[in-house]
Amino acid sequence: MGRIKTQFIKRSAMKLYKMYKPECTQEFDKNKVLVNVKVTINKKTRNAVAGYISRVTKMEAQGKIIR
């Protein structure tokens, strides 16, 4: 079983994903830099948001529906 993301992480990630969709990639490190530049949050939350953005980007590439 994987780790469960909180609603705060999901909402923040989806908001950033919709605002900066062309800049989001499937690579965690590039998303981490994007999140770090656009918002000021602590390291643990930044990494969780960047990871979720990567996951959403991969799901969209596979054709799965996202909110």
PDB file of N, CA and C in Angstrom:
ATOM      1  N   MET A   1       0.838  -1.179   0.000  1.00  0.00           N
ATOM      2  CA  MET A   1       0.000   0.000   0.000  1.00  0.00           C
ATOM      3  C   MET A   1       0.882   1.241   0.000  1.00  0.00           C
ATOM      4  N   GLY A   2       0.395   2.258  -0.676  1.00  0.00           N
ATOM      5  CA  GLY A   2       1.149   3.496  -0.750  1.00  0.00           C
ATOM      6  C   GLY A   2       0.766   4.461   0.351  1.00  0.00           C
ATOM      7  N   ARG A   3       1.423   5.571   0.345  1.00  0.00           N
ATOM      8  CA  ARG A   3       1.115   6.594   1.329  1.00  0.00           C
ATOM      9  C   ARG A   3      -0.093   7.390   0.857  1.00  0.00           C
ATOM     10  N   ILE A   4      -0.922   7.785   1.768  1.00  0.00           N
ATOM     11  CA  ILE A   4      -2.127   8.524   1.443  1.00  0.00           C
ATOM     12  C   ILE A   4      -1.828  10.017   1.502  1.00  0.00           C
ATOM     13  N   LYS A   5      -2.202  10.735   0.453  1.00  0.00           N
ATOM     14  CA  LYS A   5      -2.000  12.182   0.389  1.00  0.00           C
ATOM     15  C   LYS A   5      -3.201  12.877   1.028  1.00  0.00           C
ATOM     16  N   THR A   6      -2.940  13.940   1.773  1.00  0.00           N
ATOM     17  CA  THR A   6      -4.024  14.688   2.400  1.00  0.00           C
ATOM     18  C   THR A   6      -4.724  15.565   1.362  1.00  0.00           C
ATOM     19  N   GLN A   7      -5.883  16.039   1.707  1.00  0.00           N
ATOM     20  CA  GLN A   7      -6.637  16.906   0.802  1.00  0.00           C
ATOM     21  C   GLN A   7      -5.881  18.200   0.518  1.00  0.00           C
ATOM     22  N   PHE A   8      -5.131  18.694   1.487  1.00  0.00           N
ATOM     23  CA  PHE A   8      -4.346  19.907   1.279  1.00  0.00           C
ATOM     24  C   PHE A   8      -3.334  19.704   0.159  1.00  0.00           C
ATOM     25  N   ILE A   9      -2.642  18.565   0.181  1.00  0.00           N
ATOM     26  CA  ILE A   9      -1.643  18.256  -0.845  1.00  0.00           C
ATOM     27  C   ILE A   9      -2.321  18.144  -2.205  1.00  0.00           C
ATOM     28  N   LYS A  10      -3.430  17.415  -2.254  1.00  0.00           N
ATOM     29  CA  LYS A  10      -4.126  17.209  -3.532  1.00  0.00           C
ATOM     30  C   LYS A  10      -4.662  18.521  -4.095  1.00  0.00           C
ATOM     31  N   ARG A  11      -5.279  19.321  -3.249  1.00  0.00           N
ATOM     32  CA  ARG A  11      -5.824  20.603  -3.720  1.00  0.00           C
ATOM     33  C   ARG A  11      -4.723  21.535  -4.202  1.00  0.00           C
ATOM     34  N   SER A  12      -3.648  21.629  -3.436  1.00  0.00           N
ATOM     35  CA  SER A  12      -2.540  22.502  -3.815  1.00  0.00           C
ATOM     36  C   SER A  12      -1.913  22.046  -5.132  1.00  0.00           C
ATOM     37  N   ALA A  13      -1.712  20.743  -5.268  1.00  0.00           N
ATOM     38  CA  ALA A  13      -1.104  20.200  -6.474  1.00  0.00           C
ATOM     39  C   ALA A  13      -2.002  20.427  -7.690  1.00  0.00           C
ATOM     40  N   MET A  14      -3.297  20.192  -7.537  1.00  0.00           N
ATOM     41  CA  MET A  14      -4.206  20.367  -8.675  1.00  0.00           C
ATOM     42  C   MET A  14      -4.312  21.843  -9.072  1.00  0.00           C
ATOM     43  N   LYS A  15      -4.286  22.726  -8.091  1.00  0.00           N
ATOM     44  CA  LYS A  15      -4.334  24.155  -8.383  1.00  0.00           C
ATOM     45  C   LYS A  15      -3.089  24.576  -9.181  1.00  0.00           C
ATOM     46  N   LEU A  16      -1.928  24.154  -8.715  1.00  0.00           N
ATOM     47  CA  LEU A  16      -0.688  24.464  -9.432  1.00  0.00           C
ATOM     48  C   LEU A  16      -0.658  23.804 -10.801  1.00  0.00           C
ATOM     49  N   TYR A  17      -1.155  22.571 -10.879  1.00  0.00           N
ATOM     50  CA  TYR A  17      -1.162  21.847 -12.153  1.00  0.00           C
ATOM     51  C   TYR A  17      -2.027  22.562 -13.190  1.00  0.00           C
ATOM     52  N   LYS A  18      -3.182  23.027 -12.770  1.00  0.00           N
ATOM     53  CA  LYS A  18      -4.069  23.720 -13.709  1.00  0.00           C
ATOM     54  C   LYS A  18      -3.505  25.082 -14.114  1.00  0.00           C
ATOM     55  N   MET A  19      -2.826  25.758 -13.196  1.00  0.00           N
ATOM     56  CA  MET A  19      -2.283  27.077 -13.503  1.00  0.00           C
ATOM     57  C   MET A  19      -1.044  26.995 -14.384  1.00  0.00           C
ATOM     58  N   TYR A  20      -0.205  25.994 -14.156  1.00  0.00           N
ATOM     59  CA  TYR A  20       1.082  25.895 -14.838  1.00  0.00           C
ATOM     60  C   TYR A  20       1.217  24.574 -15.590  1.00  0.00           C
ATOM     61  N   LYS A  21       0.155  24.149 -16.227  1.00  0.00           N
ATOM     62  CA  LYS A  21       0.125  22.854 -16.900  1.00  0.00           C
ATOM     63  C   LYS A  21       1.255  22.665 -17.921  1.00  0.00           C
ATOM     64  N   PRO A  22       1.563  23.654 -18.770  1.00  0.00           N
ATOM     65  CA  PRO A  22       2.645  23.437 -19.745  1.00  0.00           C
ATOM     66  C   PRO A  22       4.023  23.223 -19.110  1.00  0.00           C
ATOM     67  N   GLU A  23       4.215  23.744 -17.909  1.00  0.00           N
ATOM     68  CA  GLU A  23       5.510  23.632 -17.249  1.00  0.00           C
ATOM     69  C   GLU A  23       5.650  22.341 -16.437  1.00  0.00           C
ATOM     70  N   CYS A  24       4.541  21.671 -16.151  1.00  0.00           N
ATOM     71  CA  CYS A  24       4.577  20.450 -15.347  1.00  0.00           C
ATOM     72  C   CYS A  24       5.043  19.279 -16.199  1.00  0.00           C
ATOM     73  N   THR A  25       5.904  18.445 -15.619  1.00  0.00           N
ATOM     74  CA  THR A  25       6.431  17.285 -16.326  1.00  0.00           C
ATOM     75  C   THR A  25       6.236  16.032 -15.482  1.00  0.00           C
ATOM     76  N   GLN A  26       6.647  14.907 -16.034  1.00  0.00           N
ATOM     77  CA  GLN A  26       6.570  13.652 -15.299  1.00  0.00           C
ATOM     78  C   GLN A  26       7.770  13.467 -14.381  1.00  0.00           C
ATOM     79  N   GLU A  27       8.733  14.358 -14.450  1.00  0.00           N
ATOM     80  CA  GLU A  27       9.940  14.248 -13.632  1.00  0.00           C
ATOM     81  C   GLU A  27       9.778  15.006 -12.318  1.00  0.00           C
ATOM     82  N   PHE A  28      10.006  14.301 -11.230  1.00  0.00           N
ATOM     83  CA  PHE A  28       9.836  14.860  -9.897  1.00  0.00           C
ATOM     84  C   PHE A  28      10.732  16.074  -9.663  1.00  0.00           C
ATOM     85  N   ASP A  29      12.002  15.985 -10.063  1.00  0.00           N
ATOM     86  CA  ASP A  29      12.958  17.060  -9.774  1.00  0.00           C
ATOM     87  C   ASP A  29      12.569  18.368 -10.456  1.00  0.00           C
ATOM     88  N   LYS A  30      12.076  18.314 -11.673  1.00  0.00           N
ATOM     89  CA  LYS A  30      11.654  19.535 -12.366  1.00  0.00           C
ATOM     90  C   LYS A  30      10.400  20.120 -11.723  1.00  0.00           C
ATOM     91  N   ASN A  31       9.487  19.256 -11.284  1.00  0.00           N
ATOM     92  CA  ASN A  31       8.288  19.735 -10.604  1.00  0.00           C
ATOM     93  C   ASN A  31       8.640  20.333  -9.246  1.00  0.00           C
ATOM     94  N   LYS A  32       9.644  19.779  -8.597  1.00  0.00           N
ATOM     95  CA  LYS A  32      10.081  20.295  -7.298  1.00  0.00           C
ATOM     96  C   LYS A  32      10.586  21.724  -7.440  1.00  0.00           C
ATOM     97  N   VAL A  33      11.348  21.984  -8.483  1.00  0.00           N
ATOM     98  CA  VAL A  33      11.842  23.343  -8.736  1.00  0.00           C
ATOM     99  C   VAL A  33      10.679  24.276  -9.047  1.00  0.00           C
ATOM    100  N   LEU A  34       9.728  23.804  -9.846  1.00  0.00           N
ATOM    101  CA  LEU A  34       8.548  24.604 -10.189  1.00  0.00           C
ATOM    102  C   LEU A  34       7.756  24.984  -8.935  1.00  0.00           C
ATOM    103  N   VAL A  35       7.501  24.020  -8.073  1.00  0.00           N
ATOM    104  CA  VAL A  35       6.739  24.277  -6.845  1.00  0.00           C
ATOM    105  C   VAL A  35       7.514  25.214  -5.931  1.00  0.00           C
ATOM    106  N   ASN A  36       8.813  25.039  -5.852  1.00  0.00           N
ATOM    107  CA  ASN A  36       9.638  25.866  -4.982  1.00  0.00           C
ATOM    108  C   ASN A  36       9.630  27.319  -5.439  1.00  0.00           C
ATOM    109  N   VAL A  37       9.597  27.561  -6.731  1.00  0.00           N
ATOM    110  CA  VAL A  37       9.608  28.924  -7.267  1.00  0.00           C
ATOM    111  C   VAL A  37       8.241  29.583  -7.117  1.00  0.00           C
ATOM    112  N   LYS A  38       7.167  28.831  -7.367  1.00  0.00           N
ATOM    113  CA  LYS A  38       5.820  29.409  -7.398  1.00  0.00           C
ATOM    114  C   LYS A  38       5.213  29.625  -6.017  1.00  0.00           C
ATOM    115  N   VAL A  39       5.532  28.765  -5.051  1.00  0.00           N
ATOM    116  CA  VAL A  39       4.946  28.882  -3.707  1.00  0.00           C
ATOM    117  C   VAL A  39       6.031  28.707  -2.651  1.00  0.00           C
ATOM    118  N   THR A  40       5.815  29.309  -1.520  1.00  0.00           N
ATOM    119  CA  THR A  40       6.757  29.176  -0.418  1.00  0.00           C
ATOM    120  C   THR A  40       6.122  28.279   0.638  1.00  0.00           C
ATOM    121  N   ILE A  41       6.592  27.034   0.687  1.00  0.00           N
ATOM    122  CA  ILE A  41       6.117  26.083   1.686  1.00  0.00           C
ATOM    123  C   ILE A  41       7.317  25.297   2.200  1.00  0.00           C
ATOM    124  N   ASN A  42       7.097  24.524   3.245  1.00  0.00           N
ATOM    125  CA  ASN A  42       8.223  23.776   3.799  1.00  0.00           C
ATOM    126  C   ASN A  42       8.633  22.619   2.879  1.00  0.00           C
ATOM    127  N   LYS A  43       9.779  22.034   3.157  1.00  0.00           N
ATOM    128  CA  LYS A  43      10.387  21.048   2.277  1.00  0.00           C
ATOM    129  C   LYS A  43       9.534  19.784   2.124  1.00  0.00           C
ATOM    130  N   LYS A  44       8.984  19.298   3.197  1.00  0.00           N
ATOM    131  CA  LYS A  44       8.194  18.070   3.157  1.00  0.00           C
ATOM    132  C   LYS A  44       6.932  18.258   2.317  1.00  0.00           C
ATOM    133  N   THR A  45       6.257  19.369   2.501  1.00  0.00           N
ATOM    134  CA  THR A  45       5.042  19.651   1.741  1.00  0.00           C
ATOM    135  C   THR A  45       5.377  19.897   0.275  1.00  0.00           C
ATOM    136  N   ARG A  46       6.466  20.609   0.016  1.00  0.00           N
ATOM    137  CA  ARG A  46       6.896  20.866  -1.362  1.00  0.00           C
ATOM    138  C   ARG A  46       7.128  19.555  -2.108  1.00  0.00           C
ATOM    139  N   ASN A  47       7.808  18.621  -1.466  1.00  0.00           N
ATOM    140  CA  ASN A  47       8.091  17.340  -2.093  1.00  0.00           C
ATOM    141  C   ASN A  47       6.819  16.535  -2.340  1.00  0.00           C
ATOM    142  N   ALA A  48       5.879  16.584  -1.404  1.00  0.00           N
ATOM    143  CA  ALA A  48       4.619  15.862  -1.578  1.00  0.00           C
ATOM    144  C   ALA A  48       3.814  16.441  -2.735  1.00  0.00           C
ATOM    145  N   VAL A  49       3.767  17.764  -2.830  1.00  0.00           N
ATOM    146  CA  VAL A  49       3.032  18.421  -3.915  1.00  0.00           C
ATOM    147  C   VAL A  49       3.697  18.111  -5.255  1.00  0.00           C
ATOM    148  N   ALA A  50       5.005  18.190  -5.316  1.00  0.00           N
ATOM    149  CA  ALA A  50       5.726  17.898  -6.559  1.00  0.00           C
ATOM    150  C   ALA A  50       5.526  16.444  -6.981  1.00  0.00           C
ATOM    151  N   GLY A  51       5.524  15.546  -6.035  1.00  0.00           N
ATOM    152  CA  GLY A  51       5.297  14.133  -6.336  1.00  0.00           C
ATOM    153  C   GLY A  51       3.896  13.884  -6.855  1.00  0.00           C
ATOM    154  N   TYR A  52       2.926  14.551  -6.275  1.00  0.00           N
ATOM    155  CA  TYR A  52       1.548  14.372  -6.726  1.00  0.00           C
ATOM    156  C   TYR A  52       1.353  14.971  -8.117  1.00  0.00           C
ATOM    157  N   ILE A  53       2.007  16.088  -8.412  1.00  0.00           N
ATOM    158  CA  ILE A  53       1.941  16.671  -9.753  1.00  0.00           C
ATOM    159  C   ILE A  53       2.534  15.692 -10.766  1.00  0.00           C
ATOM    160  N   SER A  54       3.631  15.053 -10.410  1.00  0.00           N
ATOM    161  CA  SER A  54       4.234  14.049 -11.292  1.00  0.00           C
ATOM    162  C   SER A  54       3.271  12.897 -11.546  1.00  0.00           C
ATOM    163  N   ARG A  55       2.614  12.470 -10.511  1.00  0.00           N
ATOM    164  CA  ARG A  55       1.653  11.372 -10.630  1.00  0.00           C
ATOM    165  C   ARG A  55       0.481  11.746 -11.521  1.00  0.00           C
ATOM    166  N   VAL A  56      -0.051  12.955 -11.336  1.00  0.00           N
ATOM    167  CA  VAL A  56      -1.170  13.421 -12.144  1.00  0.00           C
ATOM    168  C   VAL A  56      -0.770  13.539 -13.614  1.00  0.00           C
ATOM    169  N   THR A  57       0.427  14.043 -13.857  1.00  0.00           N
ATOM    170  CA  THR A  57       0.925  14.169 -15.221  1.00  0.00           C
ATOM    171  C   THR A  57       1.043  12.802 -15.890  1.00  0.00           C
ATOM    172  N   LYS A  58       1.527  11.804 -15.156  1.00  0.00           N
ATOM    173  CA  LYS A  58       1.642  10.451 -15.691  1.00  0.00           C
ATOM    174  C   LYS A  58       0.269   9.850 -15.967  1.00  0.00           C
ATOM    175  N   MET A  59      -0.701  10.091 -15.058  1.00  0.00           N
ATOM    176  CA  MET A  59      -2.048   9.572 -15.267  1.00  0.00           C
ATOM    177  C   MET A  59      -2.681  10.187 -16.506  1.00  0.00           C
ATOM    178  N   GLU A  60      -2.459  11.469 -16.722  1.00  0.00           N
ATOM    179  CA  GLU A  60      -3.020  12.120 -17.890  1.00  0.00           C
ATOM    180  C   GLU A  60      -2.385  11.584 -19.167  1.00  0.00           C
ATOM    181  N   ALA A  61      -1.086  11.311 -19.134  1.00  0.00           N
ATOM    182  CA  ALA A  61      -0.398  10.769 -20.304  1.00  0.00           C
ATOM    183  C   ALA A  61      -0.919   9.372 -20.658  1.00  0.00           C
ATOM    184  N   GLN A  62      -1.354   8.619 -19.665  1.00  0.00           N
ATOM    185  CA  GLN A  62      -1.891   7.285 -19.894  1.00  0.00           C
ATOM    186  C   GLN A  62      -3.350   7.320 -20.325  1.00  0.00           C
ATOM    187  N   GLY A  63      -3.971   8.487 -20.259  1.00  0.00           N
ATOM    188  CA  GLY A  63      -5.353   8.632 -20.681  1.00  0.00           C
ATOM    189  C   GLY A  63      -6.372   8.442 -19.582  1.00  0.00           C
ATOM    190  N   LYS A  64      -5.906   8.364 -18.353  1.00  0.00           N
ATOM    191  CA  LYS A  64      -6.836   8.244 -17.230  1.00  0.00           C
ATOM    192  C   LYS A  64      -7.424   9.609 -16.925  1.00  0.00           C
ATOM    193  N   ILE A  65      -8.649   9.628 -16.490  1.00  0.00           N
ATOM    194  CA  ILE A  65      -9.354  10.882 -16.223  1.00  0.00           C
ATOM    195  C   ILE A  65      -8.901  11.471 -14.898  1.00  0.00           C
ATOM    196  N   ILE A  66      -8.671  12.783 -14.879  1.00  0.00           N
ATOM    197  CA  ILE A  66      -8.360  13.485 -13.645  1.00  0.00           C
ATOM    198  C   ILE A  66      -9.421  14.536 -13.405  1.00  0.00           C
ATOM    199  N   ARG A  67      -9.506  15.004 -12.186  1.00  0.00           N
ATOM    200  CA  ARG A  67     -10.525  16.006 -11.841  1.00  0.00           C
ATOM    201  C   ARG A  67     -10.244  17.329 -12.452  1.00  0.00           C
TER     202      ARG A  67
END
